[in-house]
Amino acid sequence: MTATEVPLAVTTAHVSPSAVVWINGRRATVAAMGAEGNISTCEIERGALSELDYLAQVVRVIDDRERVVILGPSSVRLALEREYVAIYRRPDRLVDVEPAGEVAREDLIERLRTLAA
């Protein structure tokens, strides 16, 4: 798992802590924004983890954010959505869950900025 901080100039007093995730059966990329507007990204490789352990690790990286978008192939995307709801009990925070081919890190960050605005 690798994480990277991305500088962001924040012009508002408060942003919604949000996350945009792209996931498939082998790896996930999470772009997350904190309440102060700082953005971090994290790449998660499944490796030898069971599906449940892999999904739980992704949910831990997403954290308890106010708004979450999940992108990726349908079966894994749906499994991650269910795991997020099982852990945080907040289905209302899943603002968009949609199919998508692989999404570049920069595109996740751009989508995150739009979501948190």
N, C-alpha and C. Protein backbone atom coordinates (compact mmCIF):
# COMPACT_ATOMS: atom_id res chain seq x y z
N MET A 1 0.86 -1.16 0.00
CA MET A 1 0.00 0.00 0.00
C MET A 1 0.90 1.23 0.00
N THR A 2 0.64 2.15 -0.92
CA THR A 2 1.41 3.38 -0.97
C THR A 2 0.47 4.57 -0.89
N ALA A 3 0.91 5.62 -0.23
CA ALA A 3 0.09 6.83 -0.08
C ALA A 3 0.88 8.03 -0.55
N THR A 4 0.16 9.00 -1.11
CA THR A 4 0.79 10.21 -1.60
C THR A 4 -0.06 11.40 -1.22
N GLU A 5 0.55 12.48 -0.73
CA GLU A 5 -0.15 13.72 -0.45
C GLU A 5 -0.11 14.58 -1.69
N VAL A 6 -1.24 15.20 -2.02
CA VAL A 6 -1.33 16.09 -3.17
C VAL A 6 -1.67 17.48 -2.66
N PRO A 7 -0.83 18.50 -2.89
CA PRO A 7 -1.14 19.83 -2.40
C PRO A 7 -2.41 20.38 -3.04
N LEU A 8 -3.16 21.13 -2.27
CA LEU A 8 -4.40 21.71 -2.75
C LEU A 8 -4.59 23.07 -2.11
N ALA A 9 -4.85 24.05 -2.92
CA ALA A 9 -5.17 25.38 -2.39
C ALA A 9 -6.66 25.40 -2.09
N VAL A 10 -7.02 25.63 -0.86
CA VAL A 10 -8.42 25.64 -0.45
C VAL A 10 -8.88 27.08 -0.31
N THR A 11 -9.99 27.38 -0.97
CA THR A 11 -10.50 28.74 -0.92
C THR A 11 -11.75 28.84 -0.07
N THR A 12 -12.29 27.70 0.37
CA THR A 12 -13.48 27.73 1.21
C THR A 12 -13.10 27.42 2.65
N ALA A 13 -13.97 27.82 3.57
CA ALA A 13 -13.69 27.60 4.98
C ALA A 13 -13.85 26.13 5.36
N HIS A 14 -14.74 25.42 4.65
CA HIS A 14 -14.99 24.03 4.99
C HIS A 14 -15.32 23.25 3.72
N VAL A 15 -14.76 22.09 3.59
CA VAL A 15 -15.11 21.18 2.50
C VAL A 15 -15.63 19.90 3.12
N SER A 16 -16.41 19.17 2.38
CA SER A 16 -16.93 17.89 2.87
C SER A 16 -15.84 16.83 2.78
N PRO A 17 -15.49 16.20 3.89
CA PRO A 17 -14.54 15.09 3.81
C PRO A 17 -15.12 14.02 2.87
N SER A 18 -14.42 13.73 1.80
CA SER A 18 -14.95 12.88 0.73
C SER A 18 -13.89 11.91 0.25
N ALA A 19 -14.34 10.90 -0.49
CA ALA A 19 -13.41 9.95 -1.11
C ALA A 19 -13.98 9.47 -2.44
N VAL A 20 -13.08 9.26 -3.39
CA VAL A 20 -13.43 8.64 -4.66
C VAL A 20 -12.53 7.42 -4.79
N VAL A 21 -13.14 6.27 -5.09
CA VAL A 21 -12.43 5.00 -5.12
C VAL A 21 -12.63 4.33 -6.47
N TRP A 22 -11.55 3.81 -7.03
CA TRP A 22 -11.66 2.89 -8.16
C TRP A 22 -11.11 1.56 -7.68
N ILE A 23 -11.89 0.49 -7.92
CA ILE A 23 -11.48 -0.83 -7.42
C ILE A 23 -11.75 -1.90 -8.46
N ASN A 24 -10.87 -2.89 -8.48
CA ASN A 24 -11.15 -4.15 -9.20
C ASN A 24 -10.70 -5.28 -8.28
N GLY A 25 -10.67 -6.49 -8.77
CA GLY A 25 -10.33 -7.63 -7.92
C GLY A 25 -8.89 -7.71 -7.49
N ARG A 26 -8.01 -6.93 -8.13
CA ARG A 26 -6.58 -6.99 -7.82
C ARG A 26 -6.03 -5.77 -7.10
N ARG A 27 -6.61 -4.60 -7.36
CA ARG A 27 -6.09 -3.40 -6.72
C ARG A 27 -7.15 -2.32 -6.64
N ALA A 28 -6.89 -1.36 -5.78
CA ALA A 28 -7.80 -0.23 -5.60
C ALA A 28 -6.97 1.05 -5.48
N THR A 29 -7.54 2.14 -5.95
CA THR A 29 -6.95 3.45 -5.76
C THR A 29 -7.98 4.32 -5.05
N VAL A 30 -7.56 4.92 -3.94
CA VAL A 30 -8.45 5.77 -3.16
C VAL A 30 -7.87 7.18 -3.16
N ALA A 31 -8.70 8.15 -3.54
CA ALA A 31 -8.35 9.57 -3.40
C ALA A 31 -9.28 10.11 -2.31
N ALA A 32 -8.70 10.68 -1.27
CA ALA A 32 -9.50 11.13 -0.13
C ALA A 32 -9.16 12.57 0.22
N MET A 33 -10.18 13.32 0.63
CA MET A 33 -10.01 14.71 1.05
C MET A 33 -10.50 14.87 2.47
N GLY A 34 -9.67 15.52 3.30
CA GLY A 34 -10.05 15.79 4.67
C GLY A 34 -10.83 17.09 4.78
N ALA A 35 -11.31 17.41 5.98
CA ALA A 35 -12.10 18.62 6.21
C ALA A 35 -11.31 19.89 5.94
N GLU A 36 -9.97 19.81 6.01
CA GLU A 36 -9.13 20.99 5.76
C GLU A 36 -8.83 21.15 4.28
N GLY A 37 -9.26 20.21 3.45
CA GLY A 37 -9.03 20.30 2.02
C GLY A 37 -7.80 19.57 1.52
N ASN A 38 -7.07 18.91 2.43
CA ASN A 38 -5.88 18.15 1.99
C ASN A 38 -6.31 16.87 1.29
N ILE A 39 -5.62 16.54 0.20
CA ILE A 39 -5.93 15.34 -0.58
C ILE A 39 -4.79 14.35 -0.46
N SER A 40 -5.14 13.09 -0.26
CA SER A 40 -4.14 12.03 -0.27
C SER A 40 -4.66 10.93 -1.19
N THR A 41 -3.74 10.18 -1.76
CA THR A 41 -4.12 9.02 -2.56
C THR A 41 -3.42 7.79 -2.01
N CYS A 42 -4.05 6.66 -2.21
CA CYS A 42 -3.48 5.42 -1.71
C CYS A 42 -3.77 4.31 -2.72
N GLU A 43 -2.74 3.56 -3.06
CA GLU A 43 -2.87 2.38 -3.93
C GLU A 43 -2.85 1.15 -3.03
N ILE A 44 -3.82 0.28 -3.20
CA ILE A 44 -3.92 -0.93 -2.38
C ILE A 44 -3.87 -2.14 -3.31
N GLU A 45 -2.90 -2.99 -3.11
CA GLU A 45 -2.77 -4.24 -3.87
C GLU A 45 -3.39 -5.37 -3.05
N ARG A 46 -4.22 -6.19 -3.67
CA ARG A 46 -4.85 -7.29 -2.95
C ARG A 46 -3.83 -8.34 -2.55
N GLY A 47 -2.91 -8.67 -3.44
CA GLY A 47 -1.93 -9.69 -3.13
C GLY A 47 -2.60 -10.99 -2.73
N ALA A 48 -2.19 -11.55 -1.59
CA ALA A 48 -2.72 -12.83 -1.12
C ALA A 48 -3.90 -12.67 -0.16
N LEU A 49 -4.39 -11.44 0.02
CA LEU A 49 -5.52 -11.22 0.93
C LEU A 49 -6.79 -11.89 0.42
N SER A 50 -7.60 -12.36 1.34
CA SER A 50 -8.92 -12.86 0.96
C SER A 50 -9.74 -11.66 0.48
N GLU A 51 -10.82 -11.91 -0.24
CA GLU A 51 -11.64 -10.79 -0.72
C GLU A 51 -12.15 -9.94 0.44
N LEU A 52 -12.61 -10.58 1.51
CA LEU A 52 -13.14 -9.83 2.66
C LEU A 52 -12.06 -8.96 3.30
N ASP A 53 -10.85 -9.50 3.48
CA ASP A 53 -9.77 -8.72 4.07
C ASP A 53 -9.36 -7.56 3.15
N TYR A 54 -9.33 -7.82 1.86
CA TYR A 54 -9.01 -6.79 0.87
C TYR A 54 -10.03 -5.65 0.93
N LEU A 55 -11.31 -5.99 0.92
CA LEU A 55 -12.36 -4.97 0.97
C LEU A 55 -12.32 -4.20 2.28
N ALA A 56 -12.08 -4.89 3.38
CA ALA A 56 -12.00 -4.22 4.68
C ALA A 56 -10.83 -3.24 4.71
N GLN A 57 -9.72 -3.61 4.11
CA GLN A 57 -8.57 -2.71 4.05
C GLN A 57 -8.90 -1.46 3.24
N VAL A 58 -9.60 -1.63 2.12
CA VAL A 58 -10.00 -0.47 1.31
C VAL A 58 -10.95 0.42 2.10
N VAL A 59 -11.90 -0.17 2.81
CA VAL A 59 -12.84 0.62 3.63
C VAL A 59 -12.09 1.39 4.72
N ARG A 60 -11.09 0.78 5.33
CA ARG A 60 -10.30 1.50 6.35
C ARG A 60 -9.61 2.72 5.75
N VAL A 61 -9.13 2.60 4.52
CA VAL A 61 -8.48 3.73 3.86
C VAL A 61 -9.51 4.81 3.52
N ILE A 62 -10.70 4.40 3.05
CA ILE A 62 -11.76 5.37 2.76
C ILE A 62 -12.10 6.14 4.02
N ASP A 63 -12.21 5.46 5.13
CA ASP A 63 -12.53 6.04 6.43
C ASP A 63 -14.00 6.49 6.46
N ASP A 64 -14.38 7.14 7.51
CA ASP A 64 -15.76 7.56 7.73
C ASP A 64 -15.98 8.94 7.10
N ARG A 65 -15.98 9.01 5.79
CA ARG A 65 -16.12 10.27 5.05
C ARG A 65 -17.59 10.61 4.85
N GLU A 66 -17.89 11.88 4.65
CA GLU A 66 -19.27 12.32 4.45
C GLU A 66 -19.82 11.93 3.09
N ARG A 67 -18.94 11.87 2.08
CA ARG A 67 -19.38 11.54 0.73
C ARG A 67 -18.38 10.59 0.10
N VAL A 68 -18.91 9.52 -0.52
CA VAL A 68 -18.04 8.49 -1.10
C VAL A 68 -18.58 8.11 -2.48
N VAL A 69 -17.68 8.08 -3.47
CA VAL A 69 -17.99 7.60 -4.81
C VAL A 69 -17.17 6.34 -5.03
N ILE A 70 -17.82 5.27 -5.51
CA ILE A 70 -17.13 4.01 -5.77
C ILE A 70 -17.28 3.68 -7.26
N LEU A 71 -16.15 3.47 -7.92
CA LEU A 71 -16.11 3.16 -9.34
C LEU A 71 -15.43 1.82 -9.55
N GLY A 72 -15.82 1.11 -10.59
CA GLY A 72 -15.15 -0.15 -10.93
C GLY A 72 -16.12 -1.17 -11.46
N PRO A 73 -15.61 -2.38 -11.76
CA PRO A 73 -16.47 -3.47 -12.25
C PRO A 73 -17.55 -3.81 -11.23
N SER A 74 -18.71 -4.21 -11.72
CA SER A 74 -19.90 -4.33 -10.88
C SER A 74 -19.78 -5.23 -9.66
N SER A 75 -19.24 -6.43 -9.79
CA SER A 75 -19.25 -7.35 -8.64
C SER A 75 -18.36 -6.84 -7.50
N VAL A 76 -17.18 -6.37 -7.81
CA VAL A 76 -16.27 -5.87 -6.77
C VAL A 76 -16.79 -4.55 -6.21
N ARG A 77 -17.32 -3.70 -7.08
CA ARG A 77 -17.88 -2.42 -6.65
C ARG A 77 -19.02 -2.64 -5.66
N LEU A 78 -19.92 -3.55 -5.98
CA LEU A 78 -21.04 -3.86 -5.10
C LEU A 78 -20.56 -4.45 -3.77
N ALA A 79 -19.57 -5.32 -3.84
CA ALA A 79 -19.01 -5.92 -2.61
C ALA A 79 -18.39 -4.84 -1.73
N LEU A 80 -17.69 -3.87 -2.31
CA LEU A 80 -17.10 -2.78 -1.53
C LEU A 80 -18.18 -1.91 -0.92
N GLU A 81 -19.22 -1.63 -1.68
CA GLU A 81 -20.34 -0.84 -1.15
C GLU A 81 -20.94 -1.54 0.08
N ARG A 82 -21.16 -2.83 -0.04
CA ARG A 82 -21.74 -3.59 1.09
C ARG A 82 -20.81 -3.60 2.30
N GLU A 83 -19.51 -3.75 2.05
CA GLU A 83 -18.54 -3.76 3.16
C GLU A 83 -18.50 -2.40 3.85
N TYR A 84 -18.55 -1.31 3.06
CA TYR A 84 -18.55 0.04 3.64
C TYR A 84 -19.78 0.23 4.54
N VAL A 85 -20.94 -0.19 4.05
CA VAL A 85 -22.17 -0.05 4.84
C VAL A 85 -22.13 -0.96 6.07
N ALA A 86 -21.58 -2.15 5.95
CA ALA A 86 -21.48 -3.07 7.10
C ALA A 86 -20.60 -2.48 8.20
N ILE A 87 -19.52 -1.80 7.81
CA ILE A 87 -18.60 -1.25 8.80
C ILE A 87 -19.10 0.05 9.39
N TYR A 88 -19.54 0.99 8.54
CA TYR A 88 -19.92 2.33 9.02
C TYR A 88 -21.41 2.54 9.21
N ARG A 89 -22.24 1.65 8.68
CA ARG A 89 -23.69 1.75 8.82
C ARG A 89 -24.23 3.09 8.31
N ARG A 90 -23.65 3.57 7.20
CA ARG A 90 -24.05 4.86 6.63
C ARG A 90 -24.23 4.76 5.11
N PRO A 91 -25.26 4.05 4.63
CA PRO A 91 -25.46 3.95 3.18
C PRO A 91 -25.73 5.31 2.53
N ASP A 92 -26.22 6.26 3.31
CA ASP A 92 -26.52 7.59 2.79
C ASP A 92 -25.26 8.33 2.32
N ARG A 93 -24.10 7.90 2.75
CA ARG A 93 -22.85 8.56 2.37
C ARG A 93 -22.34 8.11 1.00
N LEU A 94 -22.90 7.03 0.48
CA LEU A 94 -22.52 6.56 -0.85
C LEU A 94 -23.32 7.38 -1.86
N VAL A 95 -22.69 8.43 -2.38
CA VAL A 95 -23.42 9.35 -3.25
C VAL A 95 -23.42 8.91 -4.71
N ASP A 96 -22.53 8.03 -5.09
CA ASP A 96 -22.49 7.57 -6.46
C ASP A 96 -21.71 6.26 -6.50
N VAL A 97 -22.33 5.26 -7.07
CA VAL A 97 -21.67 3.97 -7.24
C VAL A 97 -21.95 3.58 -8.68
N GLU A 98 -20.90 3.52 -9.49
CA GLU A 98 -21.12 3.28 -10.92
C GLU A 98 -20.03 2.43 -11.54
N PRO A 99 -20.39 1.75 -12.64
CA PRO A 99 -19.38 0.96 -13.35
C PRO A 99 -18.39 1.88 -14.03
N ALA A 100 -17.17 1.44 -14.14
CA ALA A 100 -16.15 2.24 -14.84
C ALA A 100 -14.95 1.37 -15.14
N GLY A 101 -14.35 1.64 -16.29
CA GLY A 101 -13.07 1.03 -16.59
C GLY A 101 -12.04 1.68 -15.68
N GLU A 102 -10.80 1.26 -15.82
CA GLU A 102 -9.76 1.81 -14.95
C GLU A 102 -9.70 3.33 -15.08
N VAL A 103 -9.57 3.99 -13.93
CA VAL A 103 -9.54 5.45 -13.87
C VAL A 103 -8.17 5.89 -13.36
N ALA A 104 -7.55 6.82 -14.04
CA ALA A 104 -6.24 7.32 -13.64
C ALA A 104 -6.32 8.08 -12.32
N ARG A 105 -5.23 8.04 -11.58
CA ARG A 105 -5.14 8.73 -10.28
C ARG A 105 -5.53 10.20 -10.41
N GLU A 106 -5.04 10.88 -11.45
CA GLU A 106 -5.32 12.31 -11.64
C GLU A 106 -6.82 12.55 -11.87
N ASP A 107 -7.48 11.62 -12.58
CA ASP A 107 -8.92 11.75 -12.81
C ASP A 107 -9.71 11.53 -11.53
N LEU A 108 -9.24 10.62 -10.67
CA LEU A 108 -9.89 10.44 -9.37
C LEU A 108 -9.78 11.72 -8.54
N ILE A 109 -8.61 12.33 -8.56
CA ILE A 109 -8.40 13.57 -7.79
C ILE A 109 -9.31 14.68 -8.31
N GLU A 110 -9.43 14.80 -9.62
CA GLU A 110 -10.31 15.83 -10.19
C GLU A 110 -11.76 15.59 -9.81
N ARG A 111 -12.17 14.34 -9.88
CA ARG A 111 -13.55 14.00 -9.49
C ARG A 111 -13.77 14.28 -8.01
N LEU A 112 -12.76 14.01 -7.20
CA LEU A 112 -12.83 14.28 -5.76
C LEU A 112 -13.00 15.77 -5.49
N ARG A 113 -12.24 16.59 -6.18
CA ARG A 113 -12.37 18.05 -6.00
C ARG A 113 -13.78 18.52 -6.33
N THR A 114 -14.36 17.98 -7.40
CA THR A 114 -15.73 18.33 -7.78
C THR A 114 -16.72 17.86 -6.70
N LEU A 115 -16.55 16.64 -6.21
CA LEU A 115 -17.44 16.07 -5.20
C LEU A 115 -17.41 16.88 -3.91
N ALA A 116 -16.23 17.30 -3.50
CA ALA A 116 -16.09 17.98 -2.20
C ALA A 116 -16.45 19.46 -2.24
N ALA A 117 -16.59 20.01 -3.43
CA ALA A 117 -16.87 21.45 -3.56
C ALA A 117 -18.25 21.82 -3.04
